[in-house]
Amino acid sequence: MTDLRLFAGRSNPALAAAIAEYLGTPLGRVELGNFPDGEVRLKLSDDVRGRDTFVIQSTCPPVNDNLMELLIFIDCLKRASAERITAVIPYFGYARQDRKDEGRVPITAKLAANLLTTAGADRVLTVELHAAQIQGFFDIPVDNLSAQPVFQAYFETLSLSPLTLVSPDVGNAKQSRVYADAMNANLAIIDKRRISGSETASMAIIGEVRDQNVLMIDDIIATGGTAVDACRLCRQQGARRIVVAATHGVLCGAAPQRLAEAPIDCLAVTDTIPIPPSVRARLPNLVVLSVSKLIGEAIRRIHRHESVSSLFMKR
């Protein structure tokens, strides 16, 4: 594409390559590494003066390293006189720290937004923010894509009728309702009580799952506690097949072991975060769906000043 330059950090090279292939645009050449003391070393090998530039970098674990690398990349593009810089962040780290839910804690999602803007980003493109209102933390345009088209196309291949969408908690009920309406399915909600930042206790199901295939969708699976507890409760209540899906497979800590031992027939995530081969080997029921075409199409439309709304409006 004329005047478009596409670059990638080191957080998710496979996704970046797939996006570049969709666009028919090679990834920009860059020397990217670390100095002996760990500081990021970066030098562009391509001219970006007056160009519409996009840098792809998920701020997934290690979050601080990937976020800092993205900030340095943006600063480099700005100082190289790029006309516009779009930070393409498939997974936006720190998104769960979006409010003061108790005294004397930071709002780190807002801090991350400030850092990206100060570094020189003109626009942010991301997928399935944990809280949509984070878009308001920015004073620049934010396109928050929905992974719904990617998931729904996959779900239609699974023959899940009779189907009940189960929301793993009350806060996720709205998203589950969107899928339930789109797939002509019933809806049930897990009444969940959180014990700590890493532990939850699922208490009861509001709705009926007996003799139903269950589909459970969330934006993030981190430690896996919420999903595992909810799946066990559904199985105890007589659910047939259980499918769990999450846009962002953080899968940290004991998550692989917990999910491997849980009554989950199929676990689907997208490639916003790279899944290590060791984790894939422990989860034979894991399916990784690509959002490369979704993000690639958004980049194409942004570059051509076309509407992006159809890619993030949930119907």
C-alpha atoms as a PDB file:
ATOM      1  CA  MET A   1       0.000   0.000   0.000  1.00  0.00           C
ATOM      2  CA  THR A   2       1.309   3.426  -0.942  1.00  0.00           C
ATOM      3  CA  ASP A   3       2.861   5.426   1.884  1.00  0.00           C
ATOM      4  CA  LEU A   4       1.988   2.777   4.494  1.00  0.00           C
ATOM      5  CA  ARG A   5       4.740   1.418   6.693  1.00  0.00           C
ATOM      6  CA  LEU A   6       4.103  -1.572   8.938  1.00  0.00           C
ATOM      7  CA  PHE A   7       6.465  -2.421  11.786  1.00  0.00           C
ATOM      8  CA  ALA A   8       6.472  -5.011  14.548  1.00  0.00           C
ATOM      9  CA  GLY A   9       7.939  -5.306  18.000  1.00  0.00           C
ATOM     10  CA  ARG A  10       9.074  -8.609  19.457  1.00  0.00           C
ATOM     11  CA  SER A  11       5.983  -9.540  21.485  1.00  0.00           C
ATOM     12  CA  ASN A  12       4.061 -11.406  18.763  1.00  0.00           C
ATOM     13  CA  PRO A  13       6.043 -11.853  15.523  1.00  0.00           C
ATOM     14  CA  ALA A  14       3.769 -14.578  14.119  1.00  0.00           C
ATOM     15  CA  LEU A  15       0.662 -12.369  14.319  1.00  0.00           C
ATOM     16  CA  ALA A  16       2.555  -9.416  12.834  1.00  0.00           C
ATOM     17  CA  ALA A  17       3.707 -11.563   9.910  1.00  0.00           C
ATOM     18  CA  ALA A  18       0.144 -12.779   9.289  1.00  0.00           C
ATOM     19  CA  ILE A  19      -1.180  -9.201   9.308  1.00  0.00           C
ATOM     20  CA  ALA A  20       1.516  -8.144   6.844  1.00  0.00           C
ATOM     21  CA  GLU A  21       0.615 -11.080   4.585  1.00  0.00           C
ATOM     22  CA  TYR A  22      -3.070 -10.098   4.644  1.00  0.00           C
ATOM     23  CA  LEU A  23      -2.202  -6.526   3.666  1.00  0.00           C
ATOM     24  CA  GLY A  24       0.331  -7.575   1.046  1.00  0.00           C
ATOM     25  CA  THR A  25       2.818  -5.231   2.725  1.00  0.00           C
ATOM     26  CA  PRO A  26       6.210  -6.357   4.024  1.00  0.00           C
ATOM     27  CA  LEU A  27       7.121  -5.577   7.604  1.00  0.00           C
ATOM     28  CA  GLY A  28       9.458  -2.612   7.888  1.00  0.00           C
ATOM     29  CA  ARG A  29      13.121  -3.289   8.455  1.00  0.00           C
ATOM     30  CA  VAL A  30      14.355  -2.496  11.922  1.00  0.00           C
ATOM     31  CA  GLU A  31      17.343  -3.340  14.089  1.00  0.00           C
ATOM     32  CA  LEU A  32      15.805  -4.324  17.415  1.00  0.00           C
ATOM     33  CA  GLY A  33      17.623  -5.839  20.357  1.00  0.00           C
ATOM     34  CA  ASN A  34      19.002  -5.107  23.806  1.00  0.00           C
ATOM     35  CA  PHE A  35      22.167  -3.541  25.117  1.00  0.00           C
ATOM     36  CA  PRO A  36      24.177  -5.629  27.611  1.00  0.00           C
ATOM     37  CA  ASP A  37      22.411  -3.904  30.521  1.00  0.00           C
ATOM     38  CA  GLY A  38      18.975  -4.807  29.146  1.00  0.00           C
ATOM     39  CA  GLU A  39      18.023  -1.433  27.659  1.00  0.00           C
ATOM     40  CA  VAL A  40      16.162  -1.637  24.345  1.00  0.00           C
ATOM     41  CA  ARG A  41      18.237  -0.870  21.262  1.00  0.00           C
ATOM     42  CA  LEU A  42      16.262   0.171  18.175  1.00  0.00           C
ATOM     43  CA  LYS A  43      17.099   1.658  14.786  1.00  0.00           C
ATOM     44  CA  LEU A  44      14.843   1.957  11.750  1.00  0.00           C
ATOM     45  CA  SER A  45      16.308   0.772   8.462  1.00  0.00           C
ATOM     46  CA  ASP A  46      13.415   2.147   6.383  1.00  0.00           C
ATOM     47  CA  ASP A  47      12.555   5.776   5.680  1.00  0.00           C
ATOM     48  CA  VAL A  48       9.280   6.785   7.380  1.00  0.00           C
ATOM     49  CA  ARG A  49       9.304  10.537   6.766  1.00  0.00           C
ATOM     50  CA  GLY A  50       5.784  11.614   5.841  1.00  0.00           C
ATOM     51  CA  ARG A  51       4.489   8.021   5.966  1.00  0.00           C
ATOM     52  CA  ASP A  52       1.424   6.516   7.631  1.00  0.00           C
ATOM     53  CA  THR A  53       3.049   4.131  10.126  1.00  0.00           C
ATOM     54  CA  PHE A  54       1.638   1.256  12.164  1.00  0.00           C
ATOM     55  CA  VAL A  55       3.592  -0.580  14.872  1.00  0.00           C
ATOM     56  CA  ILE A  56       2.247  -3.948  16.073  1.00  0.00           C
ATOM     57  CA  GLN A  57       3.024  -4.846  19.677  1.00  0.00           C
ATOM     58  CA  SER A  58       0.911  -6.705  22.227  1.00  0.00           C
ATOM     59  CA  THR A  59       1.677  -5.560  25.750  1.00  0.00           C
ATOM     60  CA  CYS A  60       1.381  -9.124  27.015  1.00  0.00           C
ATOM     61  CA  PRO A  61       3.707 -10.786  29.549  1.00  0.00           C
ATOM     62  CA  PRO A  62       6.377  -9.686  30.119  1.00  0.00           C
ATOM     63  CA  VAL A  63       4.094  -6.643  30.152  1.00  0.00           C
ATOM     64  CA  ASN A  64       6.609  -4.027  31.293  1.00  0.00           C
ATOM     65  CA  ASP A  65       9.235  -5.079  28.740  1.00  0.00           C
ATOM     66  CA  ASN A  66       6.767  -5.088  25.854  1.00  0.00           C
ATOM     67  CA  LEU A  67       5.152  -1.805  26.880  1.00  0.00           C
ATOM     68  CA  MET A  68       8.542  -0.080  27.153  1.00  0.00           C
ATOM     69  CA  GLU A  69       9.596  -1.441  23.782  1.00  0.00           C
ATOM     70  CA  LEU A  70       6.393  -0.076  22.238  1.00  0.00           C
ATOM     71  CA  LEU A  71       6.952   3.362  23.772  1.00  0.00           C
ATOM     72  CA  ILE A  72      10.521   3.456  22.429  1.00  0.00           C
ATOM     73  CA  PHE A  73       9.305   2.344  18.993  1.00  0.00           C
ATOM     74  CA  ILE A  74       6.709   5.143  18.909  1.00  0.00           C
ATOM     75  CA  ASP A  75       9.284   7.711  20.010  1.00  0.00           C
ATOM     76  CA  CYS A  76      11.647   6.519  17.282  1.00  0.00           C
ATOM     77  CA  LEU A  77       8.963   6.845  14.597  1.00  0.00           C
ATOM     78  CA  LYS A  78       8.022  10.304  15.805  1.00  0.00           C
ATOM     79  CA  ARG A  79      11.625  11.523  15.752  1.00  0.00           C
ATOM     80  CA  ALA A  80      12.004  10.023  12.259  1.00  0.00           C
ATOM     81  CA  SER A  81       9.178  12.345  11.088  1.00  0.00           C
ATOM     82  CA  ALA A  82       6.441   9.796  10.476  1.00  0.00           C
ATOM     83  CA  GLU A  83       3.250  11.603   9.459  1.00  0.00           C
ATOM     84  CA  ARG A  84       0.951   9.455  11.617  1.00  0.00           C
ATOM     85  CA  ILE A  85       1.714   6.720  14.156  1.00  0.00           C
ATOM     86  CA  THR A  86      -0.869   4.091  15.038  1.00  0.00           C
ATOM     87  CA  ALA A  87      -0.070   1.782  17.940  1.00  0.00           C
ATOM     88  CA  VAL A  88      -1.595  -1.598  17.087  1.00  0.00           C
ATOM     89  CA  ILE A  89      -1.954  -3.315  20.468  1.00  0.00           C
ATOM     90  CA  PRO A  90      -3.815  -6.637  20.025  1.00  0.00           C
ATOM     91  CA  TYR A  91      -3.688  -7.220  23.793  1.00  0.00           C
ATOM     92  CA  PHE A  92      -3.677  -4.095  25.971  1.00  0.00           C
ATOM     93  CA  GLY A  93      -1.868  -4.863  29.204  1.00  0.00           C
ATOM     94  CA  TYR A  94      -2.918  -3.244  32.492  1.00  0.00           C
ATOM     95  CA  ALA A  95      -6.493  -2.968  31.184  1.00  0.00           C
ATOM     96  CA  ARG A  96      -7.868  -4.668  34.295  1.00  0.00           C
ATOM     97  CA  GLN A  97      -6.512  -1.842  36.472  1.00  0.00           C
ATOM     98  CA  ASP A  98      -9.085   0.622  35.178  1.00  0.00           C
ATOM     99  CA  ARG A  99     -10.536   2.065  38.412  1.00  0.00           C
ATOM    100  CA  LYS A 100      -9.895   2.603  42.107  1.00  0.00           C
ATOM    101  CA  ASP A 101     -11.783  -0.347  43.588  1.00  0.00           C
ATOM    102  CA  GLU A 102     -10.169   0.309  46.981  1.00  0.00           C
ATOM    103  CA  GLY A 103      -8.147   3.044  48.637  1.00  0.00           C
ATOM    104  CA  ARG A 104      -4.526   3.872  47.780  1.00  0.00           C
ATOM    105  CA  VAL A 105      -4.277   1.991  44.477  1.00  0.00           C
ATOM    106  CA  PRO A 106      -3.305   3.368  41.037  1.00  0.00           C
ATOM    107  CA  ILE A 107      -5.365   3.475  37.852  1.00  0.00           C
ATOM    108  CA  THR A 108      -2.636   1.914  35.759  1.00  0.00           C
ATOM    109  CA  ALA A 109      -4.701   1.645  32.566  1.00  0.00           C
ATOM    110  CA  LYS A 110      -4.914   5.444  32.548  1.00  0.00           C
ATOM    111  CA  LEU A 111      -1.160   5.717  33.148  1.00  0.00           C
ATOM    112  CA  ALA A 112      -0.496   3.394  30.193  1.00  0.00           C
ATOM    113  CA  ALA A 113      -2.777   5.550  28.027  1.00  0.00           C
ATOM    114  CA  ASN A 114      -0.890   8.679  29.088  1.00  0.00           C
ATOM    115  CA  LEU A 115       2.476   7.068  28.303  1.00  0.00           C
ATOM    116  CA  LEU A 116       1.397   6.026  24.808  1.00  0.00           C
ATOM    117  CA  THR A 117       0.067   9.501  24.024  1.00  0.00           C
ATOM    118  CA  THR A 118       3.124  11.255  25.439  1.00  0.00           C
ATOM    119  CA  ALA A 119       5.440   8.972  23.446  1.00  0.00           C
ATOM    120  CA  GLY A 120       3.764  10.244  20.274  1.00  0.00           C
ATOM    121  CA  ALA A 121       1.025   7.809  19.252  1.00  0.00           C
ATOM    122  CA  ASP A 122      -1.661   9.482  17.114  1.00  0.00           C
ATOM    123  CA  ARG A 123      -4.084   6.567  17.256  1.00  0.00           C
ATOM    124  CA  VAL A 124      -4.538   3.220  19.019  1.00  0.00           C
ATOM    125  CA  LEU A 125      -5.955   0.038  17.498  1.00  0.00           C
ATOM    126  CA  THR A 126      -6.704  -2.781  19.915  1.00  0.00           C
ATOM    127  CA  VAL A 127      -8.881  -5.875  20.348  1.00  0.00           C
ATOM    128  CA  GLU A 128     -11.472  -6.450  23.049  1.00  0.00           C
ATOM    129  CA  LEU A 129     -10.464  -4.052  25.804  1.00  0.00           C
ATOM    130  CA  HIS A 130     -11.282  -5.455  29.233  1.00  0.00           C
ATOM    131  CA  ALA A 131     -13.392  -2.360  29.871  1.00  0.00           C
ATOM    132  CA  ALA A 132     -14.649  -0.380  26.879  1.00  0.00           C
ATOM    133  CA  GLN A 133     -14.529   2.861  28.870  1.00  0.00           C
ATOM    134  CA  ILE A 134     -10.718   2.717  28.767  1.00  0.00           C
ATOM    135  CA  GLN A 135     -11.103   4.366  25.362  1.00  0.00           C
ATOM    136  CA  GLY A 136     -11.980   7.489  27.317  1.00  0.00           C
ATOM    137  CA  PHE A 137      -8.577   7.444  29.025  1.00  0.00           C
ATOM    138  CA  PHE A 138      -7.059   8.543  25.716  1.00  0.00           C
ATOM    139  CA  ASP A 139      -7.204  11.968  24.077  1.00  0.00           C
ATOM    140  CA  ILE A 140      -6.520  10.353  20.707  1.00  0.00           C
ATOM    141  CA  PRO A 141      -8.772   8.057  18.617  1.00  0.00           C
ATOM    142  CA  VAL A 142      -9.070   4.450  19.828  1.00  0.00           C
ATOM    143  CA  ASP A 143     -10.493   1.639  17.708  1.00  0.00           C
ATOM    144  CA  ASN A 144     -11.561  -1.268  19.931  1.00  0.00           C
ATOM    145  CA  LEU A 145     -12.182  -4.263  17.666  1.00  0.00           C
ATOM    146  CA  SER A 146     -14.457  -7.139  18.621  1.00  0.00           C
ATOM    147  CA  ALA A 147     -13.320 -10.730  18.151  1.00  0.00           C
ATOM    148  CA  GLN A 148     -16.968 -11.785  17.792  1.00  0.00           C
ATOM    149  CA  PRO A 149     -16.815 -12.433  13.993  1.00  0.00           C
ATOM    150  CA  VAL A 150     -13.770 -14.686  14.458  1.00  0.00           C
ATOM    151  CA  PHE A 151     -15.326 -16.688  17.285  1.00  0.00           C
ATOM    152  CA  GLN A 152     -18.788 -16.925  15.781  1.00  0.00           C
ATOM    153  CA  ALA A 153     -17.468 -18.331  12.508  1.00  0.00           C
ATOM    154  CA  TYR A 154     -15.689 -21.045  14.505  1.00  0.00           C
ATOM    155  CA  PHE A 155     -18.639 -21.809  16.777  1.00  0.00           C
ATOM    156  CA  GLU A 156     -20.846 -22.427  13.746  1.00  0.00           C
ATOM    157  CA  THR A 157     -18.628 -25.389  12.831  1.00  0.00           C
ATOM    158  CA  LEU A 158     -19.134 -27.131  16.205  1.00  0.00           C
ATOM    159  CA  SER A 159     -22.830 -28.185  16.023  1.00  0.00           C
ATOM    160  CA  LEU A 160     -23.590 -26.959  19.542  1.00  0.00           C
ATOM    161  CA  SER A 161     -27.405 -27.156  19.515  1.00  0.00           C
ATOM    162  CA  PRO A 162     -29.094 -27.218  22.019  1.00  0.00           C
ATOM    163  CA  LEU A 163     -26.967 -24.336  23.283  1.00  0.00           C
ATOM    164  CA  THR A 164     -26.842 -22.167  26.398  1.00  0.00           C
ATOM    165  CA  LEU A 165     -24.452 -19.245  26.720  1.00  0.00           C
ATOM    166  CA  VAL A 166     -23.102 -19.138  30.262  1.00  0.00           C
ATOM    167  CA  SER A 167     -21.682 -15.888  31.573  1.00  0.00           C
ATOM    168  CA  PRO A 168     -18.845 -16.723  34.011  1.00  0.00           C
ATOM    169  CA  ASP A 169     -19.852 -13.735  36.145  1.00  0.00           C
ATOM    170  CA  VAL A 170     -22.475 -10.992  36.271  1.00  0.00           C
ATOM    171  CA  GLY A 171     -20.119  -8.425  34.725  1.00  0.00           C
ATOM    172  CA  ASN A 172     -19.774 -10.533  31.585  1.00  0.00           C
ATOM    173  CA  ALA A 173     -23.523 -11.000  31.099  1.00  0.00           C
ATOM    174  CA  LYS A 174     -23.859  -8.261  28.470  1.00  0.00           C
ATOM    175  CA  GLN A 175     -21.235  -9.819  26.208  1.00  0.00           C
ATOM    176  CA  SER A 176     -22.781 -13.272  26.671  1.00  0.00           C
ATOM    177  CA  ARG A 177     -26.195 -11.869  25.758  1.00  0.00           C
ATOM    178  CA  VAL A 178     -24.762 -10.559  22.469  1.00  0.00           C
ATOM    179  CA  TYR A 179     -23.578 -14.050  21.525  1.00  0.00           C
ATOM    180  CA  ALA A 180     -26.780 -15.680  22.787  1.00  0.00           C
ATOM    181  CA  ASP A 181     -28.906 -13.407  20.605  1.00  0.00           C
ATOM    182  CA  ALA A 182     -26.647 -13.909  17.573  1.00  0.00           C
ATOM    183  CA  MET A 183     -26.708 -17.702  17.966  1.00  0.00           C
ATOM    184  CA  ASN A 184     -30.371 -18.006  19.018  1.00  0.00           C
ATOM    185  CA  ALA A 185     -29.341 -19.565  22.334  1.00  0.00           C
ATOM    186  CA  ASN A 186     -30.417 -19.403  25.964  1.00  0.00           C
ATOM    187  CA  LEU A 187     -28.483 -17.466  28.604  1.00  0.00           C
ATOM    188  CA  ALA A 188     -27.375 -18.438  32.094  1.00  0.00           C
ATOM    189  CA  ILE A 189     -25.217 -16.506  34.577  1.00  0.00           C
ATOM    190  CA  ILE A 190     -22.790 -17.714  37.223  1.00  0.00           C
ATOM    191  CA  ASP A 191     -23.194 -16.015  40.596  1.00  0.00           C
ATOM    192  CA  LYS A 192     -19.529 -15.683  41.562  1.00  0.00           C
ATOM    193  CA  ARG A 193     -17.782 -14.413  44.659  1.00  0.00           C
ATOM    194  CA  ARG A 194     -14.130 -13.339  44.407  1.00  0.00           C
ATOM    195  CA  ILE A 195     -11.866 -14.447  47.266  1.00  0.00           C
ATOM    196  CA  SER A 196      -8.684 -12.675  46.099  1.00  0.00           C
ATOM    197  CA  GLY A 197      -6.958 -11.452  42.957  1.00  0.00           C
ATOM    198  CA  SER A 198      -6.203 -15.050  41.949  1.00  0.00           C
ATOM    199  CA  GLU A 199      -9.037 -17.031  43.574  1.00  0.00           C
ATOM    200  CA  THR A 200     -12.760 -17.089  42.955  1.00  0.00           C
ATOM    201  CA  ALA A 201     -15.612 -19.199  44.265  1.00  0.00           C
ATOM    202  CA  SER A 202     -18.520 -19.908  41.919  1.00  0.00           C
ATOM    203  CA  MET A 203     -21.676 -20.124  43.965  1.00  0.00           C
ATOM    204  CA  ALA A 204     -24.687 -20.894  41.772  1.00  0.00           C
ATOM    205  CA  ILE A 205     -26.100 -20.825  38.240  1.00  0.00           C
ATOM    206  CA  ILE A 206     -28.914 -18.425  37.407  1.00  0.00           C
ATOM    207  CA  GLY A 207     -30.602 -20.290  34.557  1.00  0.00           C
ATOM    208  CA  GLU A 208     -30.728 -23.867  33.273  1.00  0.00           C
ATOM    209  CA  VAL A 209     -27.825 -25.859  31.782  1.00  0.00           C
ATOM    210  CA  ARG A 210     -29.024 -29.438  32.255  1.00  0.00           C
ATOM    211  CA  ASP A 211     -28.851 -31.398  28.970  1.00  0.00           C
ATOM    212  CA  GLN A 212     -27.508 -28.312  27.227  1.00  0.00           C
ATOM    213  CA  ASN A 213     -24.256 -27.714  25.395  1.00  0.00           C
ATOM    214  CA  VAL A 214     -22.556 -24.849  27.193  1.00  0.00           C
ATOM    215  CA  LEU A 215     -20.574 -22.022  25.615  1.00  0.00           C
ATOM    216  CA  MET A 216     -18.684 -19.740  27.986  1.00  0.00           C
ATOM    217  CA  ILE A 217     -17.036 -16.597  26.579  1.00  0.00           C
ATOM    218  CA  ASP A 218     -14.790 -14.088  28.333  1.00  0.00           C
ATOM    219  CA  ASP A 219     -12.301 -11.470  27.211  1.00  0.00           C
ATOM    220  CA  ILE A 220      -9.361 -12.846  29.213  1.00  0.00           C
ATOM    221  CA  ILE A 221      -8.293 -16.162  30.702  1.00  0.00           C
ATOM    222  CA  ALA A 222      -5.421 -15.387  33.058  1.00  0.00           C
ATOM    223  CA  THR A 223      -5.099 -17.829  35.976  1.00  0.00           C
ATOM    224  CA  GLY A 224      -8.123 -19.803  34.784  1.00  0.00           C
ATOM    225  CA  GLY A 225      -9.812 -19.836  38.190  1.00  0.00           C
ATOM    226  CA  THR A 226     -13.098 -18.269  37.090  1.00  0.00           C
ATOM    227  CA  ALA A 227     -13.489 -20.464  34.006  1.00  0.00           C
ATOM    228  CA  VAL A 228     -12.560 -23.704  35.772  1.00  0.00           C
ATOM    229  CA  ASP A 229     -14.925 -23.147  38.705  1.00  0.00           C
ATOM    230  CA  ALA A 230     -17.755 -22.216  36.349  1.00  0.00           C
ATOM    231  CA  CYS A 231     -17.175 -25.287  34.149  1.00  0.00           C
ATOM    232  CA  ARG A 232     -17.201 -27.643  37.128  1.00  0.00           C
ATOM    233  CA  LEU A 233     -20.431 -26.133  38.345  1.00  0.00           C
ATOM    234  CA  CYS A 234     -22.005 -26.525  34.897  1.00  0.00           C
ATOM    235  CA  ARG A 235     -20.931 -30.162  34.711  1.00  0.00           C
ATOM    236  CA  GLN A 236     -22.365 -30.804  38.166  1.00  0.00           C
ATOM    237  CA  GLN A 237     -25.636 -29.302  36.969  1.00  0.00           C
ATOM    238  CA  GLY A 238     -25.846 -31.726  34.027  1.00  0.00           C
ATOM    239  CA  ALA A 239     -24.290 -29.814  31.120  1.00  0.00           C
ATOM    240  CA  ARG A 240     -23.295 -31.883  28.095  1.00  0.00           C
ATOM    241  CA  ARG A 241     -20.440 -30.453  26.042  1.00  0.00           C
ATOM    242  CA  ILE A 242     -18.574 -27.446  27.490  1.00  0.00           C
ATOM    243  CA  VAL A 243     -16.777 -24.977  25.219  1.00  0.00           C
ATOM    244  CA  VAL A 244     -14.765 -22.123  26.724  1.00  0.00           C
ATOM    245  CA  ALA A 245     -13.541 -19.181  24.671  1.00  0.00           C
ATOM    246  CA  ALA A 246     -11.488 -16.103  25.505  1.00  0.00           C
ATOM    247  CA  THR A 247     -10.094 -13.431  23.243  1.00  0.00           C
ATOM    248  CA  HIS A 248      -6.844 -13.137  25.197  1.00  0.00           C
ATOM    249  CA  GLY A 249      -5.182 -16.313  26.436  1.00  0.00           C
ATOM    250  CA  VAL A 250      -2.841 -14.929  29.092  1.00  0.00           C
ATOM    251  CA  LEU A 251      -2.706 -18.411  30.693  1.00  0.00           C
ATOM    252  CA  CYS A 252      -0.320 -17.444  33.477  1.00  0.00           C
ATOM    253  CA  GLY A 253       0.723 -19.235  36.651  1.00  0.00           C
ATOM    254  CA  ALA A 254      -1.127 -22.498  37.218  1.00  0.00           C
ATOM    255  CA  ALA A 255      -3.636 -21.848  34.411  1.00  0.00           C
ATOM    256  CA  PRO A 256      -2.423 -24.615  32.016  1.00  0.00           C
ATOM    257  CA  GLN A 257      -2.662 -27.278  34.726  1.00  0.00           C
ATOM    258  CA  ARG A 258      -6.047 -26.038  35.980  1.00  0.00           C
ATOM    259  CA  LEU A 259      -7.511 -25.935  32.467  1.00  0.00           C
ATOM    260  CA  ALA A 260      -6.089 -29.347  31.577  1.00  0.00           C
ATOM    261  CA  GLU A 261      -7.819 -30.871  34.605  1.00  0.00           C
ATOM    262  CA  ALA A 262     -11.124 -29.042  34.092  1.00  0.00           C
ATOM    263  CA  PRO A 263     -14.192 -30.543  32.373  1.00  0.00           C
ATOM    264  CA  ILE A 264     -13.632 -28.504  29.196  1.00  0.00           C
ATOM    265  CA  ASP A 265     -14.210 -30.170  25.844  1.00  0.00           C
ATOM    266  CA  CYS A 266     -12.850 -27.311  23.767  1.00  0.00           C
ATOM    267  CA  LEU A 267     -10.827 -24.233  24.749  1.00  0.00           C
ATOM    268  CA  ALA A 268     -10.604 -21.499  22.088  1.00  0.00           C
ATOM    269  CA  VAL A 269      -8.458 -18.370  22.244  1.00  0.00           C
ATOM    270  CA  THR A 270      -7.145 -15.942  19.639  1.00  0.00           C
ATOM    271  CA  ASP A 271      -3.554 -15.168  18.747  1.00  0.00           C
ATOM    272  CA  THR A 272      -3.482 -11.685  20.309  1.00  0.00           C
ATOM    273  CA  ILE A 273      -1.015 -13.288  22.716  1.00  0.00           C
ATOM    274  CA  PRO A 274       1.428 -15.971  21.521  1.00  0.00           C
ATOM    275  CA  ILE A 275       0.862 -19.343  23.193  1.00  0.00           C
ATOM    276  CA  PRO A 276       4.149 -21.101  24.045  1.00  0.00           C
ATOM    277  CA  PRO A 277       4.583 -24.626  22.608  1.00  0.00           C
ATOM    278  CA  SER A 278       4.900 -25.995  26.172  1.00  0.00           C
ATOM    279  CA  VAL A 279       1.410 -24.694  26.996  1.00  0.00           C
ATOM    280  CA  ARG A 280      -0.067 -26.011  23.754  1.00  0.00           C
ATOM    281  CA  ALA A 281       1.362 -29.439  24.536  1.00  0.00           C
ATOM    282  CA  ARG A 282      -0.405 -29.484  27.920  1.00  0.00           C
ATOM    283  CA  LEU A 283      -3.749 -28.450  26.432  1.00  0.00           C
ATOM    284  CA  PRO A 284      -4.658 -30.850  23.605  1.00  0.00           C
ATOM    285  CA  ASN A 285      -8.170 -29.340  23.457  1.00  0.00           C
ATOM    286  CA  LEU A 286      -6.782 -25.835  22.770  1.00  0.00           C
ATOM    287  CA  VAL A 287      -7.743 -24.113  19.514  1.00  0.00           C
ATOM    288  CA  VAL A 288      -6.024 -20.851  18.532  1.00  0.00           C
ATOM    289  CA  LEU A 289      -7.972 -18.633  16.132  1.00  0.00           C
ATOM    290  CA  SER A 290      -6.283 -15.819  14.252  1.00  0.00           C
ATOM    291  CA  VAL A 291      -7.363 -12.172  14.387  1.00  0.00           C
ATOM    292  CA  SER A 292      -4.813 -11.247  11.698  1.00  0.00           C
ATOM    293  CA  LYS A 293      -7.452 -10.615   9.017  1.00  0.00           C
ATOM    294  CA  LEU A 294      -9.586  -8.592  11.440  1.00  0.00           C
ATOM    295  CA  ILE A 295      -6.667  -6.367  12.438  1.00  0.00           C
ATOM    296  CA  GLY A 296      -5.324  -6.243   8.894  1.00  0.00           C
ATOM    297  CA  GLU A 297      -8.665  -5.041   7.557  1.00  0.00           C
ATOM    298  CA  ALA A 298      -8.838  -2.379  10.268  1.00  0.00           C
ATOM    299  CA  ILE A 299      -5.360  -1.155   9.343  1.00  0.00           C
ATOM    300  CA  ARG A 300      -6.342  -1.032   5.676  1.00  0.00           C
ATOM    301  CA  ARG A 301      -9.451   1.020   6.427  1.00  0.00           C
ATOM    302  CA  ILE A 302      -7.652   3.396   8.790  1.00  0.00           C
ATOM    303  CA  HIS A 303      -4.969   3.999   6.182  1.00  0.00           C
ATOM    304  CA  ARG A 304      -7.581   4.706   3.509  1.00  0.00           C
ATOM    305  CA  HIS A 305      -9.695   6.859   5.854  1.00  0.00           C
ATOM    306  CA  GLU A 306     -12.630   4.440   5.598  1.00  0.00           C
ATOM    307  CA  SER A 307     -15.127   3.442   8.288  1.00  0.00           C
ATOM    308  CA  VAL A 308     -13.919   0.942  10.883  1.00  0.00           C
ATOM    309  CA  SER A 309     -17.129   0.860  12.944  1.00  0.00           C
ATOM    310  CA  SER A 310     -18.456  -2.374  11.433  1.00  0.00           C
ATOM    311  CA  LEU A 311     -15.407  -4.188  12.840  1.00  0.00           C
ATOM    312  CA  PHE A 312     -16.024  -3.288  16.468  1.00  0.00           C
ATOM    313  CA  MET A 313     -19.797  -2.870  16.746  1.00  0.00           C
ATOM    314  CA  LYS A 314     -21.341  -5.877  18.472  1.00  0.00           C
ATOM    315  CA  ARG A 315     -24.771  -6.628  17.115  1.00  0.00           C
END
